[in-house]
Amino acid sequence: METSDLTNDPELFKYFFAVWALKEHQKSIQKQDIKPISEQIKALLTTMFLNSNVDKRKKMNAQEMYNELMCQANQGEISKEDISKTSTIHNWIARTAASFKIHMSEHVLEEAEASNII
């Protein structure tokens, strides 16, 4: 379809504008629904993540971390409203694991260079 077809047909133009506006509106609504992870929850997730690196028997997936956070909320230690969805926790684990690997690799390289191994 050519641009001239849209400008020559007012009804078609209205339709395409309505569809475009609807898509733009949906995107802005989706962005508003995203709630950042609070610092308190990040600290708890980080502790769980690092504990799993130290002891593989304590390794937790996103659902287990979510359940642990819910237990803490039920005990009144944290607010339920602050707890992120399982999918958000899963994404946080993936980003944190990747960042951790990079950081540890850089650290090992720095130590190796400092001791003249490389």
PDB file of N, CA and C in Angstrom:
ATOM      1  N   MET A   1       0.838  -1.169   0.000  1.00  0.00           N
ATOM      2  CA  MET A   1       0.000   0.000   0.000  1.00  0.00           C
ATOM      3  C   MET A   1       0.884   1.234   0.000  1.00  0.00           C
ATOM      4  N   GLU A   2       0.526   2.188  -0.812  1.00  0.00           N
ATOM      5  CA  GLU A   2       1.304   3.405  -0.930  1.00  0.00           C
ATOM      6  C   GLU A   2       0.777   4.471   0.029  1.00  0.00           C
ATOM      7  N   THR A   3       1.643   5.425   0.347  1.00  0.00           N
ATOM      8  CA  THR A   3       1.266   6.512   1.238  1.00  0.00           C
ATOM      9  C   THR A   3       0.125   7.324   0.649  1.00  0.00           C
ATOM     10  N   SER A   4       0.118   7.497  -0.655  1.00  0.00           N
ATOM     11  CA  SER A   4      -0.948   8.281  -1.293  1.00  0.00           C
ATOM     12  C   SER A   4      -2.311   7.627  -1.083  1.00  0.00           C
ATOM     13  N   ASP A   5      -2.356   6.285  -0.963  1.00  0.00           N
ATOM     14  CA  ASP A   5      -3.622   5.592  -0.713  1.00  0.00           C
ATOM     15  C   ASP A   5      -4.204   6.027   0.633  1.00  0.00           C
ATOM     16  N   LEU A   6      -3.338   6.233   1.628  1.00  0.00           N
ATOM     17  CA  LEU A   6      -3.791   6.640   2.958  1.00  0.00           C
ATOM     18  C   LEU A   6      -4.319   8.064   2.957  1.00  0.00           C
ATOM     19  N   THR A   7      -3.593   8.953   2.305  1.00  0.00           N
ATOM     20  CA  THR A   7      -3.989  10.361   2.321  1.00  0.00           C
ATOM     21  C   THR A   7      -5.215  10.619   1.444  1.00  0.00           C
ATOM     22  N   ASN A   8      -5.456   9.795   0.439  1.00  0.00           N
ATOM     23  CA  ASN A   8      -6.608   9.976  -0.443  1.00  0.00           C
ATOM     24  C   ASN A   8      -7.884   9.374   0.133  1.00  0.00           C
ATOM     25  N   ASP A   9      -7.760   8.458   1.058  1.00  0.00           N
ATOM     26  CA  ASP A   9      -8.939   7.810   1.640  1.00  0.00           C
ATOM     27  C   ASP A   9      -9.007   8.140   3.131  1.00  0.00           C
ATOM     28  N   PRO A  10      -9.849   9.091   3.497  1.00  0.00           N
ATOM     29  CA  PRO A  10      -9.915   9.524   4.900  1.00  0.00           C
ATOM     30  C   PRO A  10     -10.276   8.390   5.869  1.00  0.00           C
ATOM     31  N   GLU A  11     -11.156   7.485   5.453  1.00  0.00           N
ATOM     32  CA  GLU A  11     -11.547   6.381   6.332  1.00  0.00           C
ATOM     33  C   GLU A  11     -10.371   5.429   6.576  1.00  0.00           C
ATOM     34  N   LEU A  12      -9.627   5.143   5.523  1.00  0.00           N
ATOM     35  CA  LEU A  12      -8.457   4.278   5.653  1.00  0.00           C
ATOM     36  C   LEU A  12      -7.403   4.949   6.529  1.00  0.00           C
ATOM     37  N   PHE A  13      -7.239   6.245   6.362  1.00  0.00           N
ATOM     38  CA  PHE A  13      -6.291   6.994   7.186  1.00  0.00           C
ATOM     39  C   PHE A  13      -6.695   6.924   8.657  1.00  0.00           C
ATOM     40  N   LYS A  14      -7.984   7.119   8.951  1.00  0.00           N
ATOM     41  CA  LYS A  14      -8.482   7.046  10.329  1.00  0.00           C
ATOM     42  C   LYS A  14      -8.218   5.657  10.919  1.00  0.00           C
ATOM     43  N   TYR A  15      -8.447   4.637  10.111  1.00  0.00           N
ATOM     44  CA  TYR A  15      -8.225   3.258  10.582  1.00  0.00           C
ATOM     45  C   TYR A  15      -6.758   3.039  10.944  1.00  0.00           C
ATOM     46  N   PHE A  16      -5.851   3.406  10.031  1.00  0.00           N
ATOM     47  CA  PHE A  16      -4.431   3.195  10.294  1.00  0.00           C
ATOM     48  C   PHE A  16      -3.960   4.026  11.486  1.00  0.00           C
ATOM     49  N   PHE A  17      -4.472   5.247  11.623  1.00  0.00           N
ATOM     50  CA  PHE A  17      -4.104   6.082  12.754  1.00  0.00           C
ATOM     51  C   PHE A  17      -4.606   5.460  14.053  1.00  0.00           C
ATOM     52  N   ALA A  18      -5.826   4.921  14.038  1.00  0.00           N
ATOM     53  CA  ALA A  18      -6.392   4.290  15.240  1.00  0.00           C
ATOM     54  C   ALA A  18      -5.571   3.067  15.644  1.00  0.00           C
ATOM     55  N   VAL A  19      -5.175   2.256  14.680  1.00  0.00           N
ATOM     56  CA  VAL A  19      -4.358   1.072  14.978  1.00  0.00           C
ATOM     57  C   VAL A  19      -3.002   1.504  15.512  1.00  0.00           C
ATOM     58  N   TRP A  20      -2.388   2.499  14.889  1.00  0.00           N
ATOM     59  CA  TRP A  20      -1.080   2.988  15.344  1.00  0.00           C
ATOM     60  C   TRP A  20      -1.186   3.526  16.766  1.00  0.00           C
ATOM     61  N   ALA A  21      -2.220   4.327  17.022  1.00  0.00           N
ATOM     62  CA  ALA A  21      -2.398   4.916  18.355  1.00  0.00           C
ATOM     63  C   ALA A  21      -2.625   3.831  19.389  1.00  0.00           C
ATOM     64  N   LEU A  22      -3.386   2.822  19.040  1.00  0.00           N
ATOM     65  CA  LEU A  22      -3.649   1.725  19.962  1.00  0.00           C
ATOM     66  C   LEU A  22      -2.357   1.014  20.324  1.00  0.00           C
ATOM     67  N   LYS A  23      -1.512   0.725  19.340  1.00  0.00           N
ATOM     68  CA  LYS A  23      -0.241   0.053  19.606  1.00  0.00           C
ATOM     69  C   LYS A  23       0.656   0.918  20.481  1.00  0.00           C
ATOM     70  N   GLU A  24       0.707   2.223  20.193  1.00  0.00           N
ATOM     71  CA  GLU A  24       1.523   3.128  20.999  1.00  0.00           C
ATOM     72  C   GLU A  24       1.010   3.183  22.431  1.00  0.00           C
ATOM     73  N   HIS A  25      -0.292   3.187  22.588  1.00  0.00           N
ATOM     74  CA  HIS A  25      -0.891   3.224  23.919  1.00  0.00           C
ATOM     75  C   HIS A  25      -0.572   1.948  24.690  1.00  0.00           C
ATOM     76  N   GLN A  26      -0.634   0.806  24.018  1.00  0.00           N
ATOM     77  CA  GLN A  26      -0.330  -0.467  24.670  1.00  0.00           C
ATOM     78  C   GLN A  26       1.111  -0.489  25.152  1.00  0.00           C
ATOM     79  N   LYS A  27       2.036   0.020  24.348  1.00  0.00           N
ATOM     80  CA  LYS A  27       3.443   0.027  24.740  1.00  0.00           C
ATOM     81  C   LYS A  27       3.647   0.881  25.976  1.00  0.00           C
ATOM     82  N   SER A  28       3.001   2.038  26.045  1.00  0.00           N
ATOM     83  CA  SER A  28       3.190   2.907  27.202  1.00  0.00           C
ATOM     84  C   SER A  28       2.581   2.287  28.453  1.00  0.00           C
ATOM     85  N   ILE A  29       1.478   1.578  28.305  1.00  0.00           N
ATOM     86  CA  ILE A  29       0.873   0.903  29.457  1.00  0.00           C
ATOM     87  C   ILE A  29       1.798  -0.197  29.952  1.00  0.00           C
ATOM     88  N   GLN A  30       2.376  -0.973  29.046  1.00  0.00           N
ATOM     89  CA  GLN A  30       3.280  -2.046  29.445  1.00  0.00           C
ATOM     90  C   GLN A  30       4.490  -1.494  30.184  1.00  0.00           C
ATOM     91  N   LYS A  31       5.026  -0.371  29.751  1.00  0.00           N
ATOM     92  CA  LYS A  31       6.186   0.221  30.415  1.00  0.00           C
ATOM     93  C   LYS A  31       5.824   0.716  31.810  1.00  0.00           C
ATOM     94  N   GLN A  32       4.604   1.197  31.990  1.00  0.00           N
ATOM     95  CA  GLN A  32       4.182   1.684  33.296  1.00  0.00           C
ATOM     96  C   GLN A  32       4.002   0.540  34.283  1.00  0.00           C
ATOM     97  N   ASP A  33       3.667  -0.653  33.799  1.00  0.00           N
ATOM     98  CA  ASP A  33       3.444  -1.800  34.667  1.00  0.00           C
ATOM     99  C   ASP A  33       4.740  -2.360  35.233  1.00  0.00           C
ATOM    100  N   ILE A  34       5.881  -2.013  34.650  1.00  0.00           N
ATOM    101  CA  ILE A  34       7.159  -2.547  35.103  1.00  0.00           C
ATOM    102  C   ILE A  34       7.563  -1.839  36.385  1.00  0.00           C
ATOM    103  N   LYS A  35       7.745  -2.639  37.431  1.00  0.00           N
ATOM    104  CA  LYS A  35       8.131  -2.086  38.724  1.00  0.00           C
ATOM    105  C   LYS A  35       9.558  -2.535  39.014  1.00  0.00           C
ATOM    106  N   PRO A  36      10.444  -1.597  39.303  1.00  0.00           N
ATOM    107  CA  PRO A  36      11.826  -1.996  39.589  1.00  0.00           C
ATOM    108  C   PRO A  36      11.901  -2.788  40.896  1.00  0.00           C
ATOM    109  N   ILE A  37      12.904  -3.645  40.980  1.00  0.00           N
ATOM    110  CA  ILE A  37      13.122  -4.430  42.193  1.00  0.00           C
ATOM    111  C   ILE A  37      13.679  -3.498  43.263  1.00  0.00           C
ATOM    112  N   SER A  38      13.078  -3.531  44.437  1.00  0.00           N
ATOM    113  CA  SER A  38      13.531  -2.652  45.518  1.00  0.00           C
ATOM    114  C   SER A  38      14.922  -3.090  45.990  1.00  0.00           C
ATOM    115  N   GLU A  39      15.626  -2.159  46.607  1.00  0.00           N
ATOM    116  CA  GLU A  39      16.984  -2.447  47.090  1.00  0.00           C
ATOM    117  C   GLU A  39      16.977  -3.553  48.143  1.00  0.00           C
ATOM    118  N   GLN A  40      15.953  -3.562  48.993  1.00  0.00           N
ATOM    119  CA  GLN A  40      15.854  -4.593  50.023  1.00  0.00           C
ATOM    120  C   GLN A  40      15.693  -5.977  49.389  1.00  0.00           C
ATOM    121  N   ILE A  41      14.845  -6.077  48.379  1.00  0.00           N
ATOM    122  CA  ILE A  41      14.628  -7.360  47.698  1.00  0.00           C
ATOM    123  C   ILE A  41      15.888  -7.762  46.939  1.00  0.00           C
ATOM    124  N   LYS A  42      16.554  -6.791  46.286  1.00  0.00           N
ATOM    125  CA  LYS A  42      17.809  -7.096  45.586  1.00  0.00           C
ATOM    126  C   LYS A  42      18.841  -7.666  46.553  1.00  0.00           C
ATOM    127  N   ALA A  43      18.921  -7.089  47.741  1.00  0.00           N
ATOM    128  CA  ALA A  43      19.880  -7.574  48.732  1.00  0.00           C
ATOM    129  C   ALA A  43      19.567  -9.012  49.133  1.00  0.00           C
ATOM    130  N   LEU A  44      18.288  -9.316  49.325  1.00  0.00           N
ATOM    131  CA  LEU A  44      17.901 -10.684  49.673  1.00  0.00           C
ATOM    132  C   LEU A  44      18.177 -11.654  48.518  1.00  0.00           C
ATOM    133  N   LEU A  45      17.839 -11.235  47.298  1.00  0.00           N
ATOM    134  CA  LEU A  45      18.109 -12.079  46.132  1.00  0.00           C
ATOM    135  C   LEU A  45      19.609 -12.308  45.960  1.00  0.00           C
ATOM    136  N   THR A  46      20.396 -11.264  46.183  1.00  0.00           N
ATOM    137  CA  THR A  46      21.847 -11.386  46.063  1.00  0.00           C
ATOM    138  C   THR A  46      22.384 -12.381  47.077  1.00  0.00           C
ATOM    139  N   THR A  47      21.882 -12.326  48.300  1.00  0.00           N
ATOM    140  CA  THR A  47      22.311 -13.271  49.329  1.00  0.00           C
ATOM    141  C   THR A  47      21.977 -14.702  48.920  1.00  0.00           C
ATOM    142  N   MET A  48      20.763 -14.910  48.421  1.00  0.00           N
ATOM    143  CA  MET A  48      20.366 -16.248  47.970  1.00  0.00           C
ATOM    144  C   MET A  48      21.235 -16.708  46.810  1.00  0.00           C
ATOM    145  N   PHE A  49      21.510 -15.795  45.877  1.00  0.00           N
ATOM    146  CA  PHE A  49      22.334 -16.120  44.705  1.00  0.00           C
ATOM    147  C   PHE A  49      23.751 -16.498  45.130  1.00  0.00           C
ATOM    148  N   LEU A  50      24.357 -15.697  45.997  1.00  0.00           N
ATOM    149  CA  LEU A  50      25.733 -15.962  46.431  1.00  0.00           C
ATOM    150  C   LEU A  50      25.820 -17.224  47.273  1.00  0.00           C
ATOM    151  N   ASN A  51      24.802 -17.492  48.101  1.00  0.00           N
ATOM    152  CA  ASN A  51      24.787 -18.737  48.870  1.00  0.00           C
ATOM    153  C   ASN A  51      24.777 -19.951  47.955  1.00  0.00           C
ATOM    154  N   SER A  52      24.075 -19.836  46.829  1.00  0.00           N
ATOM    155  CA  SER A  52      24.036 -20.964  45.887  1.00  0.00           C
ATOM    156  C   SER A  52      25.378 -21.149  45.188  1.00  0.00           C
ATOM    157  N   ASN A  53      26.152 -20.070  45.046  1.00  0.00           N
ATOM    158  CA  ASN A  53      27.489 -20.200  44.451  1.00  0.00           C
ATOM    159  C   ASN A  53      28.461 -20.854  45.418  1.00  0.00           C
ATOM    160  N   VAL A  54      28.281 -20.594  46.702  1.00  0.00           N
ATOM    161  CA  VAL A  54      29.172 -21.165  47.716  1.00  0.00           C
ATOM    162  C   VAL A  54      28.845 -22.636  47.948  1.00  0.00           C
ATOM    163  N   ASP A  55      27.556 -22.945  48.071  1.00  0.00           N
ATOM    164  CA  ASP A  55      27.126 -24.320  48.353  1.00  0.00           C
ATOM    165  C   ASP A  55      26.069 -24.720  47.327  1.00  0.00           C
ATOM    166  N   LYS A  56      26.416 -25.587  46.401  1.00  0.00           N
ATOM    167  CA  LYS A  56      25.508 -25.978  45.311  1.00  0.00           C
ATOM    168  C   LYS A  56      24.232 -26.639  45.831  1.00  0.00           C
ATOM    169  N   ARG A  57      24.279 -27.194  47.054  1.00  0.00           N
ATOM    170  CA  ARG A  57      23.068 -27.803  47.625  1.00  0.00           C
ATOM    171  C   ARG A  57      22.036 -26.738  47.972  1.00  0.00           C
ATOM    172  N   LYS A  58      22.452 -25.493  48.100  1.00  0.00           N
ATOM    173  CA  LYS A  58      21.554 -24.391  48.423  1.00  0.00           C
ATOM    174  C   LYS A  58      21.093 -23.631  47.186  1.00  0.00           C
ATOM    175  N   LYS A  59      21.401 -24.165  46.007  1.00  0.00           N
ATOM    176  CA  LYS A  59      21.046 -23.488  44.761  1.00  0.00           C
ATOM    177  C   LYS A  59      19.532 -23.373  44.654  1.00  0.00           C
ATOM    178  N   MET A  60      19.076 -22.169  44.317  1.00  0.00           N
ATOM    179  CA  MET A  60      17.648 -21.887  44.219  1.00  0.00           C
ATOM    180  C   MET A  60      17.309 -21.341  42.833  1.00  0.00           C
ATOM    181  N   ASN A  61      16.188 -21.790  42.300  1.00  0.00           N
ATOM    182  CA  ASN A  61      15.717 -21.205  41.043  1.00  0.00           C
ATOM    183  C   ASN A  61      14.789 -20.037  41.371  1.00  0.00           C
ATOM    184  N   ALA A  62      14.257 -19.402  40.362  1.00  0.00           N
ATOM    185  CA  ALA A  62      13.443 -18.202  40.558  1.00  0.00           C
ATOM    186  C   ALA A  62      12.205 -18.495  41.408  1.00  0.00           C
ATOM    187  N   GLN A  63      11.560 -19.615  41.164  1.00  0.00           N
ATOM    188  CA  GLN A  63      10.353 -19.958  41.929  1.00  0.00           C
ATOM    189  C   GLN A  63      10.691 -20.176  43.398  1.00  0.00           C
ATOM    190  N   GLU A  64      11.805 -20.838  43.668  1.00  0.00           N
ATOM    191  CA  GLU A  64      12.214 -21.063  45.059  1.00  0.00           C
ATOM    192  C   GLU A  64      12.572 -19.748  45.755  1.00  0.00           C
ATOM    193  N   MET A  65      13.235 -18.842  45.030  1.00  0.00           N
ATOM    194  CA  MET A  65      13.544 -17.528  45.605  1.00  0.00           C
ATOM    195  C   MET A  65      12.258 -16.754  45.896  1.00  0.00           C
ATOM    196  N   TYR A  66      11.326 -16.809  44.963  1.00  0.00           N
ATOM    197  CA  TYR A  66      10.032 -16.157  45.159  1.00  0.00           C
ATOM    198  C   TYR A  66       9.339 -16.724  46.394  1.00  0.00           C
ATOM    199  N   ASN A  67       9.321 -18.045  46.526  1.00  0.00           N
ATOM    200  CA  ASN A  67       8.684 -18.687  47.678  1.00  0.00           C
ATOM    201  C   ASN A  67       9.353 -18.255  48.986  1.00  0.00           C
ATOM    202  N   GLU A  68      10.677 -18.157  48.983  1.00  0.00           N
ATOM    203  CA  GLU A  68      11.404 -17.716  50.171  1.00  0.00           C
ATOM    204  C   GLU A  68      11.041 -16.279  50.521  1.00  0.00           C
ATOM    205  N   LEU A  69      10.941 -15.423  49.517  1.00  0.00           N
ATOM    206  CA  LEU A  69      10.538 -14.036  49.760  1.00  0.00           C
ATOM    207  C   LEU A  69       9.113 -13.971  50.309  1.00  0.00           C
ATOM    208  N   MET A  70       8.224 -14.816  49.789  1.00  0.00           N
ATOM    209  CA  MET A  70       6.846 -14.851  50.287  1.00  0.00           C
ATOM    210  C   MET A  70       6.801 -15.312  51.745  1.00  0.00           C
ATOM    211  N   CYS A  71       7.637 -16.271  52.104  1.00  0.00           N
ATOM    212  CA  CYS A  71       7.716 -16.716  53.499  1.00  0.00           C
ATOM    213  C   CYS A  71       8.146 -15.566  54.400  1.00  0.00           C
ATOM    214  N   GLN A  72       9.135 -14.811  53.953  1.00  0.00           N
ATOM    215  CA  GLN A  72       9.594 -13.670  54.733  1.00  0.00           C
ATOM    216  C   GLN A  72       8.505 -12.596  54.831  1.00  0.00           C
ATOM    217  N   ALA A  73       7.734 -12.444  53.773  1.00  0.00           N
ATOM    218  CA  ALA A  73       6.622 -11.478  53.796  1.00  0.00           C
ATOM    219  C   ALA A  73       5.538 -11.949  54.765  1.00  0.00           C
ATOM    220  N   ASN A  74       5.250 -13.240  54.768  1.00  0.00           N
ATOM    221  CA  ASN A  74       4.243 -13.778  55.686  1.00  0.00           C
ATOM    222  C   ASN A  74       4.670 -13.625  57.142  1.00  0.00           C
ATOM    223  N   GLN A  75       5.964 -13.595  57.382  1.00  0.00           N
ATOM    224  CA  GLN A  75       6.484 -13.398  58.736  1.00  0.00           C
ATOM    225  C   GLN A  75       6.592 -11.910  59.082  1.00  0.00           C
ATOM    226  N   GLY A  76       6.260 -11.056  58.135  1.00  0.00           N
ATOM    227  CA  GLY A  76       6.271  -9.617  58.375  1.00  0.00           C
ATOM    228  C   GLY A  76       7.631  -8.962  58.217  1.00  0.00           C
ATOM    229  N   GLU A  77       8.600  -9.684  57.674  1.00  0.00           N
ATOM    230  CA  GLU A  77       9.945  -9.128  57.516  1.00  0.00           C
ATOM    231  C   GLU A  77      10.038  -8.175  56.329  1.00  0.00           C
ATOM    232  N   ILE A  78       9.258  -8.449  55.292  1.00  0.00           N
ATOM    233  CA  ILE A  78       9.225  -7.591  54.099  1.00  0.00           C
ATOM    234  C   ILE A  78       7.777  -7.426  53.656  1.00  0.00           C
ATOM    235  N   SER A  79       7.551  -6.473  52.777  1.00  0.00           N
ATOM    236  CA  SER A  79       6.204  -6.228  52.266  1.00  0.00           C
ATOM    237  C   SER A  79       5.942  -7.091  51.038  1.00  0.00           C
ATOM    238  N   LYS A  80       4.754  -7.670  50.958  1.00  0.00           N
ATOM    239  CA  LYS A  80       4.392  -8.486  49.794  1.00  0.00           C
ATOM    240  C   LYS A  80       4.382  -7.661  48.510  1.00  0.00           C
ATOM    241  N   GLU A  81       4.053  -6.381  48.624  1.00  0.00           N
ATOM    242  CA  GLU A  81       3.995  -5.510  47.453  1.00  0.00           C
ATOM    243  C   GLU A  81       5.369  -5.306  46.824  1.00  0.00           C
ATOM    244  N   ASP A  82       6.425  -5.485  47.618  1.00  0.00           N
ATOM    245  CA  ASP A  82       7.785  -5.297  47.110  1.00  0.00           C
ATOM    246  C   ASP A  82       8.303  -6.515  46.347  1.00  0.00           C
ATOM    247  N   ILE A  83       7.633  -7.638  46.488  1.00  0.00           N
ATOM    248  CA  ILE A  83       8.124  -8.875  45.869  1.00  0.00           C
ATOM    249  C   ILE A  83       7.785  -8.878  44.385  1.00  0.00           C
ATOM    250  N   SER A  84       8.794  -9.105  43.577  1.00  0.00           N
ATOM    251  CA  SER A  84       8.632  -9.134  42.120  1.00  0.00           C
ATOM    252  C   SER A  84       8.053 -10.468  41.673  1.00  0.00           C
ATOM    253  N   LYS A  85       7.557 -10.471  40.430  1.00  0.00           N
ATOM    254  CA  LYS A  85       7.039 -11.712  39.851  1.00  0.00           C
ATOM    255  C   LYS A  85       8.186 -12.696  39.637  1.00  0.00           C
ATOM    256  N   THR A  86       7.838 -13.961  39.518  1.00  0.00           N
ATOM    257  CA  THR A  86       8.836 -15.004  39.292  1.00  0.00           C
ATOM    258  C   THR A  86       9.618 -14.742  38.015  1.00  0.00           C
ATOM    259  N   SER A  87       8.954 -14.269  36.969  1.00  0.00           N
ATOM    260  CA  SER A  87       9.651 -14.010  35.705  1.00  0.00           C
ATOM    261  C   SER A  87      10.679 -12.888  35.870  1.00  0.00           C
ATOM    262  N   THR A  88      10.364 -11.885  36.680  1.00  0.00           N
ATOM    263  CA  THR A  88      11.309 -10.800  36.942  1.00  0.00           C
ATOM    264  C   THR A  88      12.512 -11.326  37.712  1.00  0.00           C
ATOM    265  N   ILE A  89      12.254 -12.180  38.686  1.00  0.00           N
ATOM    266  CA  ILE A  89      13.346 -12.775  39.463  1.00  0.00           C
ATOM    267  C   ILE A  89      14.217 -13.636  38.557  1.00  0.00           C
ATOM    268  N   HIS A  90      13.588 -14.387  37.659  1.00  0.00           N
ATOM    269  CA  HIS A  90      14.333 -15.222  36.710  1.00  0.00           C
ATOM    270  C   HIS A  90      15.261 -14.359  35.850  1.00  0.00           C
ATOM    271  N   ASN A  91      14.738 -13.251  35.343  1.00  0.00           N
ATOM    272  CA  ASN A  91      15.558 -12.336  34.528  1.00  0.00           C
ATOM    273  C   ASN A  91      16.678 -11.721  35.362  1.00  0.00           C
ATOM    274  N   TRP A  92      16.384 -11.399  36.622  1.00  0.00           N
ATOM    275  CA  TRP A  92      17.406 -10.840  37.508  1.00  0.00           C
ATOM    276  C   TRP A  92      18.528 -11.860  37.710  1.00  0.00           C
ATOM    277  N   ILE A  93      18.173 -13.127  37.912  1.00  0.00           N
ATOM    278  CA  ILE A  93      19.181 -14.186  38.094  1.00  0.00           C
ATOM    279  C   ILE A  93      20.070 -14.276  36.855  1.00  0.00           C
ATOM    280  N   ALA A  94      19.473 -14.258  35.680  1.00  0.00           N
ATOM    281  CA  ALA A  94      20.244 -14.363  34.431  1.00  0.00           C
ATOM    282  C   ALA A  94      21.212 -13.197  34.283  1.00  0.00           C
ATOM    283  N   ARG A  95      20.723 -11.972  34.539  1.00  0.00           N
ATOM    284  CA  ARG A  95      21.597 -10.790  34.428  1.00  0.00           C
ATOM    285  C   ARG A  95      22.698 -10.819  35.479  1.00  0.00           C
ATOM    286  N   THR A  96      22.350 -11.211  36.688  1.00  0.00           N
ATOM    287  CA  THR A  96      23.323 -11.247  37.771  1.00  0.00           C
ATOM    288  C   THR A  96      24.374 -12.319  37.522  1.00  0.00           C
ATOM    289  N   ALA A  97      23.967 -13.479  37.039  1.00  0.00           N
ATOM    290  CA  ALA A  97      24.917 -14.556  36.749  1.00  0.00           C
ATOM    291  C   ALA A  97      25.903 -14.123  35.663  1.00  0.00           C
ATOM    292  N   ALA A  98      25.395 -13.491  34.620  1.00  0.00           N
ATOM    293  CA  ALA A  98      26.270 -13.020  33.540  1.00  0.00           C
ATOM    294  C   ALA A  98      27.238 -11.959  34.057  1.00  0.00           C
ATOM    295  N   SER A  99      26.734 -11.028  34.838  1.00  0.00           N
ATOM    296  CA  SER A  99      27.574  -9.973  35.403  1.00  0.00           C
ATOM    297  C   SER A  99      28.624 -10.555  36.348  1.00  0.00           C
ATOM    298  N   PHE A 100      28.208 -11.531  37.134  1.00  0.00           N
ATOM    299  CA  PHE A 100      29.112 -12.179  38.090  1.00  0.00           C
ATOM    300  C   PHE A 100      30.247 -12.896  37.356  1.00  0.00           C
ATOM    301  N   LYS A 101      29.925 -13.592  36.276  1.00  0.00           N
ATOM    302  CA  LYS A 101      30.955 -14.297  35.496  1.00  0.00           C
ATOM    303  C   LYS A 101      31.969 -13.318  34.919  1.00  0.00           C
ATOM    304  N   ILE A 102      31.474 -12.215  34.385  1.00  0.00           N
ATOM    305  CA  ILE A 102      32.372 -11.201  33.817  1.00  0.00           C
ATOM    306  C   ILE A 102      33.265 -10.620  34.909  1.00  0.00           C
ATOM    307  N   HIS A 103      32.659 -10.268  36.038  1.00  0.00           N
ATOM    308  CA  HIS A 103      33.416  -9.679  37.146  1.00  0.00           C
ATOM    309  C   HIS A 103      34.481 -10.644  37.655  1.00  0.00           C
ATOM    310  N   MET A 104      34.123 -11.898  37.822  1.00  0.00           N
ATOM    311  CA  MET A 104      35.083 -12.886  38.324  1.00  0.00           C
ATOM    312  C   MET A 104      36.197 -13.130  37.303  1.00  0.00           C
ATOM    313  N   SER A 105      35.871 -13.152  36.038  1.00  0.00           N
ATOM    314  CA  SER A 105      36.894 -13.331  34.998  1.00  0.00           C
ATOM    315  C   SER A 105      37.878 -12.167  35.012  1.00  0.00           C
ATOM    316  N   GLU A 106      37.362 -10.947  35.121  1.00  0.00           N
ATOM    317  CA  GLU A 106      38.233  -9.772  35.189  1.00  0.00           C
ATOM    318  C   GLU A 106      39.126  -9.837  36.425  1.00  0.00           C
ATOM    319  N   HIS A 107      38.573 -10.268  37.537  1.00  0.00           N
ATOM    320  CA  HIS A 107      39.318 -10.375  38.791  1.00  0.00           C
ATOM    321  C   HIS A 107      40.449 -11.401  38.666  1.00  0.00           C
ATOM    322  N   VAL A 108      40.159 -12.549  38.086  1.00  0.00           N
ATOM    323  CA  VAL A 108      41.177 -13.591  37.911  1.00  0.00           C
ATOM    324  C   VAL A 108      42.277 -13.100  36.969  1.00  0.00           C
ATOM    325  N   LEU A 109      41.895 -12.413  35.896  1.00  0.00           N
ATOM    326  CA  LEU A 109      42.898 -11.872  34.968  1.00  0.00           C
ATOM    327  C   LEU A 109      43.786 -10.835  35.652  1.00  0.00           C
ATOM    328  N   GLU A 110      43.193  -9.968  36.465  1.00  0.00           N
ATOM    329  CA  GLU A 110      43.980  -8.970  37.188  1.00  0.00           C
ATOM    330  C   GLU A 110      44.974  -9.637  38.139  1.00  0.00           C
ATOM    331  N   GLU A 111      44.527 -10.671  38.839  1.00  0.00           N
ATOM    332  CA  GLU A 111      45.419 -11.388  39.753  1.00  0.00           C
ATOM    333  C   GLU A 111      46.542 -12.077  38.990  1.00  0.00           C
ATOM    334  N   ALA A 112      46.203 -12.663  37.840  1.00  0.00           N
ATOM    335  CA  ALA A 112      47.198 -13.350  37.031  1.00  0.00           C
ATOM    336  C   ALA A 112      48.245 -12.348  36.505  1.00  0.00           C
ATOM    337  N   GLU A 113      47.786 -11.205  36.058  1.00  0.00           N
ATOM    338  CA  GLU A 113      48.705 -10.181  35.571  1.00  0.00           C
ATOM    339  C   GLU A 113      49.588  -9.645  36.699  1.00  0.00           C
ATOM    340  N   ALA A 114      48.997  -9.506  37.870  1.00  0.00           N
ATOM    341  CA  ALA A 114      49.751  -8.993  39.028  1.00  0.00           C
ATOM    342  C   ALA A 114      50.852  -9.971  39.459  1.00  0.00           C
ATOM    343  N   SER A 115      50.574 -11.251  39.305  1.00  0.00           N
ATOM    344  CA  SER A 115      51.579 -12.246  39.704  1.00  0.00           C
ATOM    345  C   SER A 115      52.441 -12.698  38.526  1.00  0.00           C
ATOM    346  N   ASN A 116      52.328 -12.012  37.395  1.00  0.00           N
ATOM    347  CA  ASN A 116      53.136 -12.273  36.191  1.00  0.00           C
ATOM    348  C   ASN A 116      52.957 -13.687  35.649  1.00  0.00           C
ATOM    349  N   ILE A 117      51.780 -14.263  35.810  1.00  0.00           N
ATOM    350  CA  ILE A 117      51.505 -15.596  35.255  1.00  0.00           C
ATOM    351  C   ILE A 117      51.252 -15.478  33.757  1.00  0.00           C
ATOM    352  N   ILE A 118      50.614 -14.412  33.356  1.00  0.00           N
ATOM    353  CA  ILE A 118      50.273 -14.254  31.921  1.00  0.00           C
ATOM    354  C   ILE A 118      51.326 -13.403  31.264  1.00  0.00           C
TER     355      ILE A 118
END
